[in-house]
């Protein structure tokens, strides 16, 4: 049991969750669900996460590149997701700043 989980159990109070950590967990959770079979459904969930704010886009880009490098089996699925996200006009992901961020992360 983690220290914070133990503390919550003992005190009966929930501790505050770090918003950045919660975002990271949500992104990783949905990327782990992503398969060829459920791509159409999960890509929309991931798009909604990315549209929340610019930091969400950047965190998604960072985790996507990391996953593509470490989970080569799913590289094509991640590439397909990147292509989908790149076509979204409403997404701040398409700004030059985020493209440069992605390129730096992929080096």
Foldseek 3Di string as FASTA:
>chain_A
DDPQVVVCVVVVDHDDDDPVVVLLVVLVVLVVVDDPVCLVPSLVVLLVQQLPDVVSLLSNLLVLLVCVVVVVVCVVVSVVSVVVNCPDPSGPCVDPVNVVSSVVSND
